[in-house]
Amino acid sequence: MSELEKRKPMVHDQVQACGKEIRPINQPIPQTLNPPLQRPPLSRDPYKTPLTPNPPEFKPTARITEDCLKVVNFGPEGWLWEEELKLFKHLIVIQEKQ
């Protein structure tokens, strides 16, 4: 026997008997297995504590720097107003604290 024949993997195929065949059954999935999606609880009541209409300028934190925000895609240039960009950056800083 050559070296190649020794390394050749052995494959054994066998046809499964009809009695052992697995057949799918069409039935609903139990709710415990796949529960319906729910909204996450809000950390604040948006009607009692609305967002500030004049967000502050972005100040880098320990975890969020200017370089990190350059990676974030806020849409094409000019798509958001400057105030909207400031609001998004303010929200990111607020969420980082929680």
PDB file of N, CA and C in Angstrom:
ATOM      1  N   MET A   1       0.831  -1.185   0.000  1.00  0.00           N
ATOM      2  CA  MET A   1       0.000   0.000   0.000  1.00  0.00           C
ATOM      3  C   MET A   1       0.875   1.247   0.000  1.00  0.00           C
ATOM      4  N   SER A   2       0.488   2.198  -0.813  1.00  0.00           N
ATOM      5  CA  SER A   2       1.264   3.433  -0.869  1.00  0.00           C
ATOM      6  C   SER A   2       0.869   4.339   0.307  1.00  0.00           C
ATOM      7  N   GLU A   3       1.668   5.370   0.488  1.00  0.00           N
ATOM      8  CA  GLU A   3       1.433   6.317   1.594  1.00  0.00           C
ATOM      9  C   GLU A   3       0.102   7.045   1.417  1.00  0.00           C
ATOM     10  N   LEU A   4      -0.258   7.346   0.168  1.00  0.00           N
ATOM     11  CA  LEU A   4      -1.497   8.050  -0.124  1.00  0.00           C
ATOM     12  C   LEU A   4      -2.712   7.207   0.220  1.00  0.00           C
ATOM     13  N   GLU A   5      -2.676   5.933  -0.068  1.00  0.00           N
ATOM     14  CA  GLU A   5      -3.804   5.049   0.219  1.00  0.00           C
ATOM     15  C   GLU A   5      -4.000   4.868   1.715  1.00  0.00           C
ATOM     16  N   LYS A   6      -2.926   4.942   2.478  1.00  0.00           N
ATOM     17  CA  LYS A   6      -3.033   4.801   3.933  1.00  0.00           C
ATOM     18  C   LYS A   6      -3.757   6.008   4.541  1.00  0.00           C
ATOM     19  N   ARG A   7      -3.536   7.189   3.961  1.00  0.00           N
ATOM     20  CA  ARG A   7      -4.132   8.411   4.505  1.00  0.00           C
ATOM     21  C   ARG A   7      -5.543   8.661   3.995  1.00  0.00           C
ATOM     22  N   LYS A   8      -6.003   7.934   3.031  1.00  0.00           N
ATOM     23  CA  LYS A   8      -7.317   8.138   2.430  1.00  0.00           C
ATOM     24  C   LYS A   8      -8.405   7.921   3.482  1.00  0.00           C
ATOM     25  N   PRO A   9      -9.315   8.897   3.671  1.00  0.00           N
ATOM     26  CA  PRO A   9     -10.368   8.712   4.677  1.00  0.00           C
ATOM     27  C   PRO A   9     -11.368   7.650   4.231  1.00  0.00           C
ATOM     28  N   MET A  10     -11.883   6.945   5.191  1.00  0.00           N
ATOM     29  CA  MET A  10     -12.878   5.909   4.915  1.00  0.00           C
ATOM     30  C   MET A  10     -14.259   6.524   5.122  1.00  0.00           C
ATOM     31  N   VAL A  11     -15.126   6.406   4.131  1.00  0.00           N
ATOM     32  CA  VAL A  11     -16.475   6.936   4.213  1.00  0.00           C
ATOM     33  C   VAL A  11     -17.441   5.783   4.037  1.00  0.00           C
ATOM     34  N   HIS A  12     -18.342   5.635   4.999  1.00  0.00           N
ATOM     35  CA  HIS A  12     -19.338   4.571   4.926  1.00  0.00           C
ATOM     36  C   HIS A  12     -20.708   5.209   4.814  1.00  0.00           C
ATOM     37  N   ASP A  13     -21.370   5.018   3.708  1.00  0.00           N
ATOM     38  CA  ASP A  13     -22.724   5.524   3.511  1.00  0.00           C
ATOM     39  C   ASP A  13     -23.703   4.383   3.684  1.00  0.00           C
ATOM     40  N   GLN A  14     -24.792   4.673   4.333  1.00  0.00           N
ATOM     41  CA  GLN A  14     -25.821   3.657   4.519  1.00  0.00           C
ATOM     42  C   GLN A  14     -27.176   4.339   4.373  1.00  0.00           C
ATOM     43  N   VAL A  15     -28.049   3.722   3.633  1.00  0.00           N
ATOM     44  CA  VAL A  15     -29.385   4.254   3.448  1.00  0.00           C
ATOM     45  C   VAL A  15     -30.186   3.961   4.698  1.00  0.00           C
ATOM     46  N   GLN A  16     -30.890   4.992   5.193  1.00  0.00           N
ATOM     47  CA  GLN A  16     -31.664   4.822   6.415  1.00  0.00           C
ATOM     48  C   GLN A  16     -32.971   4.097   6.102  1.00  0.00           C
ATOM     49  N   ALA A  17     -33.347   3.205   6.970  1.00  0.00           N
ATOM     50  CA  ALA A  17     -34.581   2.449   6.777  1.00  0.00           C
ATOM     51  C   ALA A  17     -35.782   3.378   6.899  1.00  0.00           C
ATOM     52  N   CYS A  18     -36.877   3.035   6.223  1.00  0.00           N
ATOM     53  CA  CYS A  18     -38.078   3.874   6.227  1.00  0.00           C
ATOM     54  C   CYS A  18     -38.651   4.041   7.625  1.00  0.00           C
ATOM     55  N   GLY A  19     -38.556   3.040   8.449  1.00  0.00           N
ATOM     56  CA  GLY A  19     -39.119   3.101   9.793  1.00  0.00           C
ATOM     57  C   GLY A  19     -38.384   4.077  10.687  1.00  0.00           C
ATOM     58  N   LYS A  20     -37.122   4.350  10.397  1.00  0.00           N
ATOM     59  CA  LYS A  20     -36.322   5.240  11.241  1.00  0.00           C
ATOM     60  C   LYS A  20     -36.281   6.673  10.713  1.00  0.00           C
ATOM     61  N   GLU A  21     -36.960   6.948   9.612  1.00  0.00           N
ATOM     62  CA  GLU A  21     -36.953   8.278   9.032  1.00  0.00           C
ATOM     63  C   GLU A  21     -37.607   9.284   9.968  1.00  0.00           C
ATOM     64  N   ILE A  22     -37.033  10.468  10.023  1.00  0.00           N
ATOM     65  CA  ILE A  22     -37.595  11.537  10.852  1.00  0.00           C
ATOM     66  C   ILE A  22     -38.438  12.421   9.953  1.00  0.00           C
ATOM     67  N   ARG A  23     -39.685  12.567  10.297  1.00  0.00           N
ATOM     68  CA  ARG A  23     -40.597  13.384   9.495  1.00  0.00           C
ATOM     69  C   ARG A  23     -41.048  14.593  10.320  1.00  0.00           C
ATOM     70  N   PRO A  24     -40.944  15.793   9.756  1.00  0.00           N
ATOM     71  CA  PRO A  24     -41.357  16.985  10.501  1.00  0.00           C
ATOM     72  C   PRO A  24     -42.868  17.047  10.681  1.00  0.00           C
ATOM     73  N   ILE A  25     -43.271  17.615  11.815  1.00  0.00           N
ATOM     74  CA  ILE A  25     -44.686  17.800  12.114  1.00  0.00           C
ATOM     75  C   ILE A  25     -44.939  19.303  12.172  1.00  0.00           C
ATOM     76  N   ASN A  26     -45.953  19.759  11.481  1.00  0.00           N
ATOM     77  CA  ASN A  26     -46.281  21.178  11.456  1.00  0.00           C
ATOM     78  C   ASN A  26     -47.137  21.512  12.676  1.00  0.00           C
ATOM     79  N   GLN A  27     -46.529  22.179  13.657  1.00  0.00           N
ATOM     80  CA  GLN A  27     -47.256  22.587  14.858  1.00  0.00           C
ATOM     81  C   GLN A  27     -46.612  23.856  15.406  1.00  0.00           C
ATOM     82  N   PRO A  28     -47.360  24.654  16.165  1.00  0.00           N
ATOM     83  CA  PRO A  28     -46.794  25.906  16.685  1.00  0.00           C
ATOM     84  C   PRO A  28     -45.717  25.643  17.736  1.00  0.00           C
ATOM     85  N   ILE A  29     -44.774  26.578  17.812  1.00  0.00           N
ATOM     86  CA  ILE A  29     -43.699  26.481  18.802  1.00  0.00           C
ATOM     87  C   ILE A  29     -44.256  26.919  20.151  1.00  0.00           C
ATOM     88  N   PRO A  30     -43.927  26.219  21.235  1.00  0.00           N
ATOM     89  CA  PRO A  30     -44.404  26.641  22.560  1.00  0.00           C
ATOM     90  C   PRO A  30     -43.889  28.041  22.918  1.00  0.00           C
ATOM     91  N   GLN A  31     -44.724  28.831  23.604  1.00  0.00           N
ATOM     92  CA  GLN A  31     -44.362  30.202  23.957  1.00  0.00           C
ATOM     93  C   GLN A  31     -43.176  30.260  24.912  1.00  0.00           C
ATOM     94  N   THR A  32     -42.966  29.209  25.705  1.00  0.00           N
ATOM     95  CA  THR A  32     -41.828  29.210  26.627  1.00  0.00           C
ATOM     96  C   THR A  32     -40.517  29.096  25.868  1.00  0.00           C
ATOM     97  N   LEU A  33     -40.554  28.501  24.686  1.00  0.00           N
ATOM     98  CA  LEU A  33     -39.347  28.328  23.892  1.00  0.00           C
ATOM     99  C   LEU A  33     -38.976  29.614  23.163  1.00  0.00           C
ATOM    100  N   ASN A  34     -39.972  30.319  22.668  1.00  0.00           N
ATOM    101  CA  ASN A  34     -39.737  31.538  21.899  1.00  0.00           C
ATOM    102  C   ASN A  34     -40.731  32.608  22.354  1.00  0.00           C
ATOM    103  N   PRO A  35     -40.463  33.298  23.481  1.00  0.00           N
ATOM    104  CA  PRO A  35     -41.435  34.278  23.982  1.00  0.00           C
ATOM    105  C   PRO A  35     -41.546  35.474  23.039  1.00  0.00           C
ATOM    106  N   PRO A  36     -42.711  36.122  23.009  1.00  0.00           N
ATOM    107  CA  PRO A  36     -42.873  37.289  22.138  1.00  0.00           C
ATOM    108  C   PRO A  36     -41.982  38.442  22.602  1.00  0.00           C
ATOM    109  N   LEU A  37     -41.591  39.285  21.654  1.00  0.00           N
ATOM    110  CA  LEU A  37     -40.723  40.415  21.971  1.00  0.00           C
ATOM    111  C   LEU A  37     -41.482  41.460  22.780  1.00  0.00           C
ATOM    112  N   GLN A  38     -40.774  42.092  23.714  1.00  0.00           N
ATOM    113  CA  GLN A  38     -41.361  43.147  24.531  1.00  0.00           C
ATOM    114  C   GLN A  38     -40.442  44.354  24.496  1.00  0.00           C
ATOM    115  N   ARG A  39     -41.033  45.520  24.657  1.00  0.00           N
ATOM    116  CA  ARG A  39     -40.213  46.728  24.700  1.00  0.00           C
ATOM    117  C   ARG A  39     -39.431  46.765  26.011  1.00  0.00           C
ATOM    118  N   PRO A  40     -38.178  47.205  25.972  1.00  0.00           N
ATOM    119  CA  PRO A  40     -37.422  47.318  27.216  1.00  0.00           C
ATOM    120  C   PRO A  40     -37.992  48.446  28.072  1.00  0.00           C
ATOM    121  N   PRO A  41     -37.872  48.345  29.386  1.00  0.00           N
ATOM    122  CA  PRO A  41     -38.399  49.416  30.242  1.00  0.00           C
ATOM    123  C   PRO A  41     -37.595  50.704  30.045  1.00  0.00           C
ATOM    124  N   LEU A  42     -38.293  51.820  30.084  1.00  0.00           N
ATOM    125  CA  LEU A  42     -37.633  53.109  29.920  1.00  0.00           C
ATOM    126  C   LEU A  42     -36.959  53.514  31.222  1.00  0.00           C
ATOM    127  N   SER A  43     -35.791  54.131  31.115  1.00  0.00           N
ATOM    128  CA  SER A  43     -35.082  54.579  32.309  1.00  0.00           C
ATOM    129  C   SER A  43     -35.697  55.860  32.874  1.00  0.00           C
ATOM    130  N   ARG A  44     -36.513  56.528  32.075  1.00  0.00           N
ATOM    131  CA  ARG A  44     -37.167  57.758  32.523  1.00  0.00           C
ATOM    132  C   ARG A  44     -38.479  57.905  31.764  1.00  0.00           C
ATOM    133  N   ASP A  45     -39.358  58.750  32.289  1.00  0.00           N
ATOM    134  CA  ASP A  45     -40.612  59.031  31.600  1.00  0.00           C
ATOM    135  C   ASP A  45     -40.341  60.158  30.600  1.00  0.00           C
ATOM    136  N   PRO A  46     -40.449  59.893  29.302  1.00  0.00           N
ATOM    137  CA  PRO A  46     -40.094  60.925  28.322  1.00  0.00           C
ATOM    138  C   PRO A  46     -41.006  62.147  28.356  1.00  0.00           C
ATOM    139  N   TYR A  47     -42.205  62.021  28.931  1.00  0.00           N
ATOM    140  CA  TYR A  47     -43.117  63.164  28.986  1.00  0.00           C
ATOM    141  C   TYR A  47     -42.844  64.044  30.204  1.00  0.00           C
ATOM    142  N   LYS A  48     -42.372  63.433  31.295  1.00  0.00           N
ATOM    143  CA  LYS A  48     -42.073  64.218  32.499  1.00  0.00           C
ATOM    144  C   LYS A  48     -40.701  64.876  32.406  1.00  0.00           C
ATOM    145  N   THR A  49     -39.758  64.203  31.766  1.00  0.00           N
ATOM    146  CA  THR A  49     -38.403  64.741  31.642  1.00  0.00           C
ATOM    147  C   THR A  49     -37.992  64.737  30.173  1.00  0.00           C
ATOM    148  N   PRO A  50     -38.455  65.720  29.401  1.00  0.00           N
ATOM    149  CA  PRO A  50     -38.079  65.755  27.977  1.00  0.00           C
ATOM    150  C   PRO A  50     -36.598  66.089  27.811  1.00  0.00           C
ATOM    151  N   LEU A  51     -36.085  65.804  26.633  1.00  0.00           N
ATOM    152  CA  LEU A  51     -34.694  66.129  26.337  1.00  0.00           C
ATOM    153  C   LEU A  51     -34.519  67.639  26.259  1.00  0.00           C
ATOM    154  N   THR A  52     -33.318  68.081  26.516  1.00  0.00           N
ATOM    155  CA  THR A  52     -33.031  69.511  26.488  1.00  0.00           C
ATOM    156  C   THR A  52     -33.123  70.045  25.055  1.00  0.00           C
ATOM    157  N   PRO A  53     -33.791  71.186  24.855  1.00  0.00           N
ATOM    158  CA  PRO A  53     -33.867  71.746  23.499  1.00  0.00           C
ATOM    159  C   PRO A  53     -32.542  72.358  23.049  1.00  0.00           C
ATOM    160  N   ASN A  54     -31.672  72.684  24.006  1.00  0.00           N
ATOM    161  CA  ASN A  54     -30.359  73.261  23.688  1.00  0.00           C
ATOM    162  C   ASN A  54     -29.268  72.355  24.260  1.00  0.00           C
ATOM    163  N   PRO A  55     -28.882  71.309  23.540  1.00  0.00           N
ATOM    164  CA  PRO A  55     -27.873  70.397  24.081  1.00  0.00           C
ATOM    165  C   PRO A  55     -26.508  71.074  24.182  1.00  0.00           C
ATOM    166  N   PRO A  56     -25.718  70.690  25.184  1.00  0.00           N
ATOM    167  CA  PRO A  56     -24.394  71.298  25.339  1.00  0.00           C
ATOM    168  C   PRO A  56     -23.422  70.771  24.282  1.00  0.00           C
ATOM    169  N   GLU A  57     -22.314  71.478  24.131  1.00  0.00           N
ATOM    170  CA  GLU A  57     -21.256  71.016  23.227  1.00  0.00           C
ATOM    171  C   GLU A  57     -20.695  69.699  23.771  1.00  0.00           C
ATOM    172  N   PHE A  58     -20.202  68.859  22.869  1.00  0.00           N
ATOM    173  CA  PHE A  58     -19.671  67.561  23.280  1.00  0.00           C
ATOM    174  C   PHE A  58     -18.360  67.743  24.034  1.00  0.00           C
ATOM    175  N   LYS A  59     -18.285  67.087  25.211  1.00  0.00           N
ATOM    176  CA  LYS A  59     -17.053  67.055  25.991  1.00  0.00           C
ATOM    177  C   LYS A  59     -16.634  65.593  26.079  1.00  0.00           C
ATOM    178  N   PRO A  60     -15.440  65.245  25.625  1.00  0.00           N
ATOM    179  CA  PRO A  60     -15.006  63.844  25.669  1.00  0.00           C
ATOM    180  C   PRO A  60     -15.019  63.298  27.093  1.00  0.00           C
ATOM    181  N   THR A  61     -15.425  62.032  27.213  1.00  0.00           N
ATOM    182  CA  THR A  61     -15.432  61.360  28.510  1.00  0.00           C
ATOM    183  C   THR A  61     -14.339  60.299  28.498  1.00  0.00           C
ATOM    184  N   ALA A  62     -14.290  59.518  29.587  1.00  0.00           N
ATOM    185  CA  ALA A  62     -13.270  58.472  29.679  1.00  0.00           C
ATOM    186  C   ALA A  62     -13.472  57.403  28.606  1.00  0.00           C
ATOM    187  N   ARG A  63     -14.725  57.115  28.272  1.00  0.00           N
ATOM    188  CA  ARG A  63     -15.013  56.045  27.310  1.00  0.00           C
ATOM    189  C   ARG A  63     -15.337  56.550  25.912  1.00  0.00           C
ATOM    190  N   ILE A  64     -15.863  57.755  25.798  1.00  0.00           N
ATOM    191  CA  ILE A  64     -16.266  58.287  24.495  1.00  0.00           C
ATOM    192  C   ILE A  64     -15.378  59.481  24.148  1.00  0.00           C
ATOM    193  N   THR A  65     -14.600  59.308  23.095  1.00  0.00           N
ATOM    194  CA  THR A  65     -13.691  60.365  22.653  1.00  0.00           C
ATOM    195  C   THR A  65     -14.120  60.860  21.276  1.00  0.00           C
ATOM    196  N   GLU A  66     -13.448  61.895  20.798  1.00  0.00           N
ATOM    197  CA  GLU A  66     -13.728  62.412  19.453  1.00  0.00           C
ATOM    198  C   GLU A  66     -13.460  61.335  18.401  1.00  0.00           C
ATOM    199  N   ASP A  67     -12.403  60.537  18.612  1.00  0.00           N
ATOM    200  CA  ASP A  67     -12.079  59.475  17.651  1.00  0.00           C
ATOM    201  C   ASP A  67     -13.191  58.440  17.582  1.00  0.00           C
ATOM    202  N   CYS A  68     -13.802  58.125  18.729  1.00  0.00           N
ATOM    203  CA  CYS A  68     -14.912  57.162  18.739  1.00  0.00           C
ATOM    204  C   CYS A  68     -16.095  57.707  17.952  1.00  0.00           C
ATOM    205  N   LEU A  69     -16.381  58.992  18.098  1.00  0.00           N
ATOM    206  CA  LEU A  69     -17.531  59.584  17.408  1.00  0.00           C
ATOM    207  C   LEU A  69     -17.292  59.736  15.907  1.00  0.00           C
ATOM    208  N   LYS A  70     -16.033  59.797  15.486  1.00  0.00           N
ATOM    209  CA  LYS A  70     -15.745  59.864  14.051  1.00  0.00           C
ATOM    210  C   LYS A  70     -16.119  58.554  13.363  1.00  0.00           C
ATOM    211  N   VAL A  71     -16.096  57.453  14.112  1.00  0.00           N
ATOM    212  CA  VAL A  71     -16.432  56.141  13.556  1.00  0.00           C
ATOM    213  C   VAL A  71     -17.941  56.001  13.380  1.00  0.00           C
ATOM    214  N   VAL A  72     -18.725  56.682  14.228  1.00  0.00           N
ATOM    215  CA  VAL A  72     -20.186  56.573  14.181  1.00  0.00           C
ATOM    216  C   VAL A  72     -20.712  57.252  12.918  1.00  0.00           C
ATOM    217  N   ASN A  73     -21.623  56.568  12.222  1.00  0.00           N
ATOM    218  CA  ASN A  73     -22.205  57.107  10.997  1.00  0.00           C
ATOM    219  C   ASN A  73     -23.500  57.837  11.351  1.00  0.00           C
ATOM    220  N   PHE A  74     -23.473  59.157  11.292  1.00  0.00           N
ATOM    221  CA  PHE A  74     -24.660  59.970  11.561  1.00  0.00           C
ATOM    222  C   PHE A  74     -25.386  60.331  10.271  1.00  0.00           C
ATOM    223  N   GLY A  75     -25.084  59.662   9.192  1.00  0.00           N
ATOM    224  CA  GLY A  75     -25.711  59.942   7.907  1.00  0.00           C
ATOM    225  C   GLY A  75     -24.789  60.763   7.026  1.00  0.00           C
ATOM    226  N   PRO A  76     -25.213  61.037   5.792  1.00  0.00           N
ATOM    227  CA  PRO A  76     -24.374  61.822   4.879  1.00  0.00           C
ATOM    228  C   PRO A  76     -24.197  63.259   5.374  1.00  0.00           C
ATOM    229  N   GLU A  77     -23.181  63.899   4.854  1.00  0.00           N
ATOM    230  CA  GLU A  77     -22.864  65.280   5.239  1.00  0.00           C
ATOM    231  C   GLU A  77     -24.056  66.189   4.950  1.00  0.00           C
ATOM    232  N   GLY A  78     -24.459  66.980   5.935  1.00  0.00           N
ATOM    233  CA  GLY A  78     -25.570  67.902   5.762  1.00  0.00           C
ATOM    234  C   GLY A  78     -26.940  67.280   5.974  1.00  0.00           C
ATOM    235  N   TRP A  79     -26.998  66.003   6.298  1.00  0.00           N
ATOM    236  CA  TRP A  79     -28.289  65.334   6.500  1.00  0.00           C
ATOM    237  C   TRP A  79     -28.920  65.760   7.823  1.00  0.00           C
ATOM    238  N   LEU A  80     -28.088  65.953   8.856  1.00  0.00           N
ATOM    239  CA  LEU A  80     -28.569  66.430  10.157  1.00  0.00           C
ATOM    240  C   LEU A  80     -28.090  67.860  10.374  1.00  0.00           C
ATOM    241  N   TRP A  81     -28.919  68.654  11.038  1.00  0.00           N
ATOM    242  CA  TRP A  81     -28.496  69.985  11.424  1.00  0.00           C
ATOM    243  C   TRP A  81     -27.470  69.872  12.540  1.00  0.00           C
ATOM    244  N   GLU A  82     -26.753  70.954  12.759  1.00  0.00           N
ATOM    245  CA  GLU A  82     -25.711  70.972  13.793  1.00  0.00           C
ATOM    246  C   GLU A  82     -26.308  70.724  15.185  1.00  0.00           C
ATOM    247  N   GLU A  83     -27.499  71.279  15.442  1.00  0.00           N
ATOM    248  CA  GLU A  83     -28.160  71.073  16.738  1.00  0.00           C
ATOM    249  C   GLU A  83     -28.557  69.608  16.921  1.00  0.00           C
ATOM    250  N   GLU A  84     -28.983  68.956  15.838  1.00  0.00           N
ATOM    251  CA  GLU A  84     -29.342  67.536  15.918  1.00  0.00           C
ATOM    252  C   GLU A  84     -28.112  66.681  16.203  1.00  0.00           C
ATOM    253  N   LEU A  85     -26.990  67.014  15.587  1.00  0.00           N
ATOM    254  CA  LEU A  85     -25.748  66.286  15.867  1.00  0.00           C
ATOM    255  C   LEU A  85     -25.344  66.445  17.329  1.00  0.00           C
ATOM    256  N   LYS A  86     -25.462  67.673  17.843  1.00  0.00           N
ATOM    257  CA  LYS A  86     -25.134  67.906  19.257  1.00  0.00           C
ATOM    258  C   LYS A  86     -26.054  67.093  20.163  1.00  0.00           C
ATOM    259  N   LEU A  87     -27.346  67.002  19.792  1.00  0.00           N
ATOM    260  CA  LEU A  87     -28.300  66.235  20.590  1.00  0.00           C
ATOM    261  C   LEU A  87     -27.942  64.748  20.583  1.00  0.00           C
ATOM    262  N   PHE A  88     -27.588  64.200  19.416  1.00  0.00           N
ATOM    263  CA  PHE A  88     -27.186  62.796  19.348  1.00  0.00           C
ATOM    264  C   PHE A  88     -25.956  62.530  20.211  1.00  0.00           C
ATOM    265  N   LYS A  89     -24.974  63.405  20.134  1.00  0.00           N
ATOM    266  CA  LYS A  89     -23.761  63.234  20.940  1.00  0.00           C
ATOM    267  C   LYS A  89     -24.090  63.332  22.425  1.00  0.00           C
ATOM    268  N   HIS A  90     -24.994  64.244  22.777  1.00  0.00           N
ATOM    269  CA  HIS A  90     -25.425  64.389  24.170  1.00  0.00           C
ATOM    270  C   HIS A  90     -26.117  63.108  24.655  1.00  0.00           C
ATOM    271  N   LEU A  91     -26.979  62.529  23.803  1.00  0.00           N
ATOM    272  CA  LEU A  91     -27.660  61.277  24.158  1.00  0.00           C
ATOM    273  C   LEU A  91     -26.676  60.134  24.356  1.00  0.00           C
ATOM    274  N   ILE A  92     -25.661  60.064  23.520  1.00  0.00           N
ATOM    275  CA  ILE A  92     -24.652  59.004  23.655  1.00  0.00           C
ATOM    276  C   ILE A  92     -23.944  59.126  24.993  1.00  0.00           C
ATOM    277  N   VAL A  93     -23.612  60.345  25.390  1.00  0.00           N
ATOM    278  CA  VAL A  93     -22.938  60.556  26.680  1.00  0.00           C
ATOM    279  C   VAL A  93     -23.870  60.191  27.835  1.00  0.00           C
ATOM    280  N   ILE A  94     -25.156  60.565  27.732  1.00  0.00           N
ATOM    281  CA  ILE A  94     -26.124  60.239  28.790  1.00  0.00           C
ATOM    282  C   ILE A  94     -26.275  58.725  28.926  1.00  0.00           C
ATOM    283  N   GLN A  95     -26.411  58.027  27.795  1.00  0.00           N
ATOM    284  CA  GLN A  95     -26.586  56.572  27.832  1.00  0.00           C
ATOM    285  C   GLN A  95     -25.337  55.868  28.343  1.00  0.00           C
ATOM    286  N   GLU A  96     -24.176  56.447  28.108  1.00  0.00           N
ATOM    287  CA  GLU A  96     -22.927  55.840  28.582  1.00  0.00           C
ATOM    288  C   GLU A  96     -22.872  55.843  30.105  1.00  0.00           C
ATOM    289  N   LYS A  97     -23.453  56.865  30.721  1.00  0.00           N
ATOM    290  CA  LYS A  97     -23.433  56.968  32.183  1.00  0.00           C
ATOM    291  C   LYS A  97     -24.345  55.947  32.840  1.00  0.00           C
ATOM    292  N   GLN A  98     -25.369  55.470  32.128  1.00  0.00           N
ATOM    293  CA  GLN A  98     -26.340  54.563  32.746  1.00  0.00           C
ATOM    294  C   GLN A  98     -25.895  53.140  32.688  1.00  0.00           C
TER     295      GLN A  98
END
